[in-house]
C-alpha cells in the first residue's frame, strides 16, 4: 500500500511533491513505501505504535534524533524526512541563531523581546542546551530572519 497522493499515474513515486510535504506525511509515505506497519516501525525504533500514529498525523513531533533513527529504518538519507524546521535543527540551529542575531545587530535580550521569550531561552538555544520549538522557528520565518 502506497500513499496515493505521492504516486504518479504510471505508478512511479512523486519525489517532487513529497519533497515539499510536511515531515509527518513524509514519514508515513516512506514507511508505506518500505512496506512497514506502524507497530513494526515502533518496535524497531523503541517507541509505541501510538507515538508513530501521532507523528504521522502531525499531532506530535519526534525529536531530531528519533527522526534520524526512523530514516535509518527506512534506509533513506535523514534529510529526505526533513521539512524546514528539522533542516534548521540539523544545521545546527545554535550556530544559525547566533548568525541571525549578529547579522541583524541584535543582543540576546533584543532577539528574546522580538520572539516574546525570555533572554535565558535565547542563551540556552545558542549554547545548544535546549531545542528551539517549531512555533519559535515559524516566528523567525515570519519575521524574515530565516
Protein backbone atom coordinates (compact mmCIF):
# COMPACT_ATOMS: atom_id res chain seq x y z
CA UNK A 1 0.00 0.00 0.00
CA UNK A 2 1.45 3.35 -1.06
CA UNK A 3 0.12 6.76 -0.11
CA UNK A 4 -1.81 7.65 -3.26
CA UNK A 5 -1.06 11.37 -3.01
CA UNK A 6 2.55 10.69 -3.95
CA UNK A 7 2.00 8.26 -6.81
CA UNK A 8 2.10 9.32 -10.43
CA UNK A 9 -0.33 7.75 -12.94
CA UNK A 10 2.45 5.45 -14.19
CA UNK A 11 2.95 4.10 -10.66
CA UNK A 12 6.20 5.98 -10.06
CA UNK A 13 6.88 7.74 -6.79
CA UNK A 14 6.34 11.54 -6.93
CA UNK A 15 9.55 12.70 -5.22
CA UNK A 16 8.95 16.36 -6.16
CA UNK A 17 5.59 16.50 -4.39
CA UNK A 18 6.95 14.62 -1.40
CA UNK A 19 9.96 16.95 -1.12
CA UNK A 20 7.62 19.88 -0.34
CA UNK A 21 5.44 17.93 2.08
CA UNK A 22 5.42 18.19 5.87
CA UNK A 23 7.56 15.74 7.82
CA UNK A 24 4.58 13.75 9.10
CA UNK A 25 3.45 13.00 5.53
CA UNK A 26 6.99 12.03 4.53
CA UNK A 27 7.24 9.67 7.49
CA UNK A 28 4.03 7.87 6.54
CA UNK A 29 4.85 7.72 2.84
CA UNK A 30 8.35 6.30 3.35
CA UNK A 31 7.03 3.76 5.86
CA UNK A 32 4.39 2.57 3.42
CA UNK A 33 6.90 2.58 0.59
CA UNK A 34 9.09 0.31 2.72
CA UNK A 35 6.07 -1.98 3.30
CA UNK A 36 6.30 -1.49 7.05
CA UNK A 37 3.44 -1.36 9.57
CA UNK A 38 3.32 1.27 12.31
CA UNK A 39 3.83 -1.37 15.02
CA UNK A 40 6.91 -2.70 13.22
CA UNK A 41 8.48 0.76 12.95
CA UNK A 42 7.64 1.47 16.59
CA UNK A 43 9.36 -1.71 17.73
CA UNK A 44 12.45 -1.08 15.61
CA UNK A 45 13.00 2.46 16.92
CA UNK A 46 11.87 1.81 20.50
CA UNK A 47 8.67 3.84 20.72
CA UNK A 48 4.97 2.99 20.98
CA UNK A 49 2.71 2.46 17.98
CA UNK A 50 0.61 5.34 19.30
CA UNK A 51 3.65 7.63 19.09
CA UNK A 52 4.11 6.63 15.43
CA UNK A 53 0.42 7.32 14.82
CA UNK A 54 0.71 10.77 16.43
CA UNK A 55 3.83 11.61 14.41
CA UNK A 56 2.20 10.53 11.15
CA UNK A 57 -0.93 12.57 11.92
CA UNK A 58 1.16 15.61 12.73
CA UNK A 59 -0.29 15.91 16.24
CA UNK A 60 3.14 15.33 17.80
CA UNK A 61 6.71 15.64 16.55
CA UNK A 62 9.66 13.34 17.03
CA UNK A 63 12.99 14.70 18.18
CA UNK A 64 15.61 15.23 15.50
CA UNK A 65 17.50 12.22 16.86
CA UNK A 66 14.44 9.98 16.62
CA UNK A 67 13.64 11.22 13.12
CA UNK A 68 17.19 10.33 12.08
CA UNK A 69 16.73 6.85 13.58
CA UNK A 70 13.47 6.44 11.65
CA UNK A 71 15.25 7.44 8.44
CA UNK A 72 17.81 4.69 9.09
CA UNK A 73 14.98 2.16 9.33
CA UNK A 74 13.57 3.42 6.03
CA UNK A 75 17.09 3.26 4.52
CA UNK A 76 16.89 6.87 3.30
CA UNK A 77 19.03 9.91 3.97
CA UNK A 78 17.63 11.65 7.04
CA UNK A 79 17.17 14.96 5.21
CA UNK A 80 14.57 13.24 2.98
CA UNK A 81 12.28 13.37 6.02
CA UNK A 82 13.13 16.96 6.99
CA UNK A 83 10.95 19.96 6.45
CA UNK A 84 12.32 23.46 7.03
CA UNK A 85 12.12 23.17 10.81
CA UNK A 86 14.08 19.92 11.01
CA UNK A 87 16.62 21.22 8.48
CA UNK A 88 17.08 24.22 10.79
CA UNK A 89 17.60 21.94 13.81
CA UNK A 90 20.12 19.86 11.89
CA UNK A 91 22.17 22.93 10.81
CA UNK A 92 22.99 23.13 13.94
CA UNK A 93 20.42 25.68 14.98
CA UNK A 94 22.53 27.16 17.79
CA UNK A 95 25.09 28.43 15.25
CA UNK A 96 22.37 29.60 12.88
CA UNK A 97 20.61 31.52 15.64
CA UNK A 98 23.85 33.32 16.57
CA UNK A 99 24.44 34.14 12.88
CA UNK A 100 20.92 35.58 12.56
CA UNK A 101 21.25 37.64 15.72
CA UNK A 102 24.67 39.02 14.80
CA UNK A 103 23.71 39.72 11.17
CA UNK A 104 20.83 41.84 12.48
CA UNK A 105 22.95 43.53 15.16
CA UNK A 106 20.73 42.20 17.94
CA UNK A 107 21.63 41.46 21.53
CA UNK A 108 20.23 38.29 23.04
CA UNK A 109 17.71 40.29 25.06
CA UNK A 110 16.57 42.12 21.91
CA UNK A 111 16.02 38.89 20.00
CA UNK A 112 14.21 37.50 23.04
CA UNK A 113 11.88 40.50 23.05
CA UNK A 114 11.17 40.13 19.31
CA UNK A 115 10.37 36.43 19.78
CA UNK A 116 8.44 37.07 23.00
CA UNK A 117 10.62 34.70 25.03
CA UNK A 118 12.94 35.16 27.97
CA UNK A 119 16.57 36.11 27.46
CA UNK A 120 17.58 32.81 29.07
CA UNK A 121 15.73 30.94 26.30
CA UNK A 122 17.91 32.62 23.65
CA UNK A 123 21.04 31.92 25.71
CA UNK A 124 20.07 28.26 26.08
CA UNK A 125 19.36 27.92 22.35
CA UNK A 126 22.68 29.50 21.43
CA UNK A 127 24.51 27.20 23.83
CA UNK A 128 22.59 24.21 22.44
CA UNK A 129 21.13 23.47 25.89
CA UNK A 130 17.51 23.37 24.76
CA UNK A 131 15.79 22.78 21.43
CA UNK A 132 14.03 25.66 19.76
CA UNK A 133 10.33 24.86 19.27
CA UNK A 134 8.59 24.82 15.92
CA UNK A 135 6.42 27.80 16.93
CA UNK A 136 9.51 29.93 17.55
CA UNK A 137 11.09 28.74 14.29
CA UNK A 138 7.87 29.74 12.47
CA UNK A 139 8.10 33.17 14.12
CA UNK A 140 11.69 33.55 12.83
CA UNK A 141 10.48 32.65 9.34
CA UNK A 142 7.50 35.01 9.61
CA UNK A 143 9.82 37.87 10.62
CA UNK A 144 12.08 37.17 7.64
CA UNK A 145 15.01 36.29 9.86
CA UNK A 146 15.42 32.87 8.21
